[in-house]
Amino acid sequence: MLRRYQVWSCNADAAGPRSVQAENREQALAQARRFQPGEPLVVVDAELMELAHPVAREGGHHPGQEAQHGGSKGQKGQ
């Protein structure tokens, strides 16, 4: 049975997630490697992700998501 997986590159310059269909996580990773060889990748079962985080179903961002990624502790007060 094919499942939908979301694949993200750990490379900051890479585009957003890629959606692939595969029977298991390993096959999804192999498919993604054809398009992004040599990059560290993260593969998540899209259905489980949607159950865990309903906003993912809509393709949107969590309201506080950008605040979590803005700046670092070392930049305070500069």
C-alpha atoms as a PDB file:
ATOM      1  CA  MET A   1       0.000   0.000   0.000  1.00  0.00           C
ATOM      2  CA  LEU A   2       1.411   3.377  -0.983  1.00  0.00           C
ATOM      3  CA  ARG A   3       1.684   6.063   1.665  1.00  0.00           C
ATOM      4  CA  ARG A   4       2.487   9.734   1.308  1.00  0.00           C
ATOM      5  CA  TYR A   5       5.728  11.000   2.838  1.00  0.00           C
ATOM      6  CA  GLN A   6       7.097  14.523   3.248  1.00  0.00           C
ATOM      7  CA  VAL A   7      10.845  14.825   2.674  1.00  0.00           C
ATOM      8  CA  TRP A   8      12.896  17.808   3.839  1.00  0.00           C
ATOM      9  CA  SER A   9      16.508  18.557   3.076  1.00  0.00           C
ATOM     10  CA  CYS A  10      18.709  19.639   5.980  1.00  0.00           C
ATOM     11  CA  ASN A  11      20.426  22.032   3.550  1.00  0.00           C
ATOM     12  CA  ALA A  12      19.310  25.598   4.301  1.00  0.00           C
ATOM     13  CA  ASP A  13      19.424  26.522   0.592  1.00  0.00           C
ATOM     14  CA  ALA A  14      17.037  23.746  -0.457  1.00  0.00           C
ATOM     15  CA  ALA A  15      13.441  24.392  -1.444  1.00  0.00           C
ATOM     16  CA  GLY A  16      10.547  23.354   0.774  1.00  0.00           C
ATOM     17  CA  PRO A  17       9.443  19.791   1.446  1.00  0.00           C
ATOM     18  CA  ARG A  18       8.954  17.306  -1.355  1.00  0.00           C
ATOM     19  CA  SER A  19       5.981  14.957  -1.263  1.00  0.00           C
ATOM     20  CA  VAL A  20       6.614  11.374  -2.409  1.00  0.00           C
ATOM     21  CA  GLN A  21       4.530   8.210  -2.437  1.00  0.00           C
ATOM     22  CA  ALA A  22       6.127   4.948  -1.388  1.00  0.00           C
ATOM     23  CA  GLU A  23       5.377   1.712   0.430  1.00  0.00           C
ATOM     24  CA  ASN A  24       7.698   2.551   3.326  1.00  0.00           C
ATOM     25  CA  ARG A  25      10.073   5.176   4.680  1.00  0.00           C
ATOM     26  CA  GLU A  26      13.162   3.595   3.115  1.00  0.00           C
ATOM     27  CA  GLN A  27      11.628   3.672  -0.373  1.00  0.00           C
ATOM     28  CA  ALA A  28      10.562   7.294   0.142  1.00  0.00           C
ATOM     29  CA  LEU A  29      14.132   8.166   1.105  1.00  0.00           C
ATOM     30  CA  ALA A  30      15.512   6.358  -1.964  1.00  0.00           C
ATOM     31  CA  GLN A  31      13.123   8.285  -4.235  1.00  0.00           C
ATOM     32  CA  ALA A  32      14.070  11.611  -2.668  1.00  0.00           C
ATOM     33  CA  ARG A  33      17.790  10.831  -3.034  1.00  0.00           C
ATOM     34  CA  ARG A  34      17.363  10.832  -6.822  1.00  0.00           C
ATOM     35  CA  PHE A  35      16.499  14.538  -6.665  1.00  0.00           C
ATOM     36  CA  GLN A  36      18.750  15.549  -3.759  1.00  0.00           C
ATOM     37  CA  PRO A  37      21.803  13.251  -3.802  1.00  0.00           C
ATOM     38  CA  GLY A  38      24.322  13.610  -1.011  1.00  0.00           C
ATOM     39  CA  GLU A  39      22.179  15.871   1.170  1.00  0.00           C
ATOM     40  CA  PRO A  40      20.994  14.881   4.649  1.00  0.00           C
ATOM     41  CA  LEU A  41      17.242  14.277   4.415  1.00  0.00           C
ATOM     42  CA  VAL A  42      14.378  13.936   6.885  1.00  0.00           C
ATOM     43  CA  VAL A  43      11.426  11.702   5.939  1.00  0.00           C
ATOM     44  CA  VAL A  44       8.096  11.908   7.778  1.00  0.00           C
ATOM     45  CA  ASP A  45       4.909   9.937   7.161  1.00  0.00           C
ATOM     46  CA  ALA A  46       2.535  12.708   6.045  1.00  0.00           C
ATOM     47  CA  GLU A  47      -0.570  11.036   7.507  1.00  0.00           C
ATOM     48  CA  LEU A  48       1.028  10.698  10.933  1.00  0.00           C
ATOM     49  CA  MET A  49       2.277  14.269  10.719  1.00  0.00           C
ATOM     50  CA  GLU A  50      -1.264  15.482   9.999  1.00  0.00           C
ATOM     51  CA  LEU A  51      -2.635  13.547  12.969  1.00  0.00           C
ATOM     52  CA  ALA A  52       0.023  14.987  15.257  1.00  0.00           C
ATOM     53  CA  HIS A  53      -0.241  18.544  13.944  1.00  0.00           C
ATOM     54  CA  PRO A  54      -3.540  19.468  12.205  1.00  0.00           C
ATOM     55  CA  VAL A  55      -2.074  22.686  10.725  1.00  0.00           C
ATOM     56  CA  ALA A  56       0.148  20.493   8.511  1.00  0.00           C
ATOM     57  CA  ARG A  57      -3.015  19.254   6.800  1.00  0.00           C
ATOM     58  CA  GLU A  58      -3.613  22.764   5.466  1.00  0.00           C
ATOM     59  CA  GLY A  59       0.005  23.305   4.401  1.00  0.00           C
ATOM     60  CA  GLY A  60       0.182  26.310   6.694  1.00  0.00           C
ATOM     61  CA  HIS A  61       2.516  27.366   9.437  1.00  0.00           C
ATOM     62  CA  HIS A  62       1.923  27.332  13.147  1.00  0.00           C
ATOM     63  CA  PRO A  63       1.243  30.917  14.339  1.00  0.00           C
ATOM     64  CA  GLY A  64       4.320  30.931  16.601  1.00  0.00           C
ATOM     65  CA  GLN A  65       6.616  29.114  14.201  1.00  0.00           C
ATOM     66  CA  GLU A  66       8.477  32.160  12.909  1.00  0.00           C
ATOM     67  CA  ALA A  67       9.040  33.506  16.410  1.00  0.00           C
ATOM     68  CA  GLN A  68      10.717  30.227  17.370  1.00  0.00           C
ATOM     69  CA  HIS A  69      13.289  30.591  14.608  1.00  0.00           C
ATOM     70  CA  GLY A  70      14.032  34.310  14.858  1.00  0.00           C
ATOM     71  CA  GLY A  71      17.505  35.163  16.158  1.00  0.00           C
ATOM     72  CA  SER A  72      19.695  33.399  18.654  1.00  0.00           C
ATOM     73  CA  LYS A  73      20.519  33.939  22.306  1.00  0.00           C
ATOM     74  CA  GLY A  74      23.924  35.359  21.386  1.00  0.00           C
ATOM     75  CA  GLN A  75      22.335  38.228  19.475  1.00  0.00           C
ATOM     76  CA  LYS A  76      20.371  39.708  22.390  1.00  0.00           C
ATOM     77  CA  GLY A  77      21.387  43.178  23.395  1.00  0.00           C
ATOM     78  CA  GLN A  78      23.440  43.893  20.284  1.00  0.00           C
END
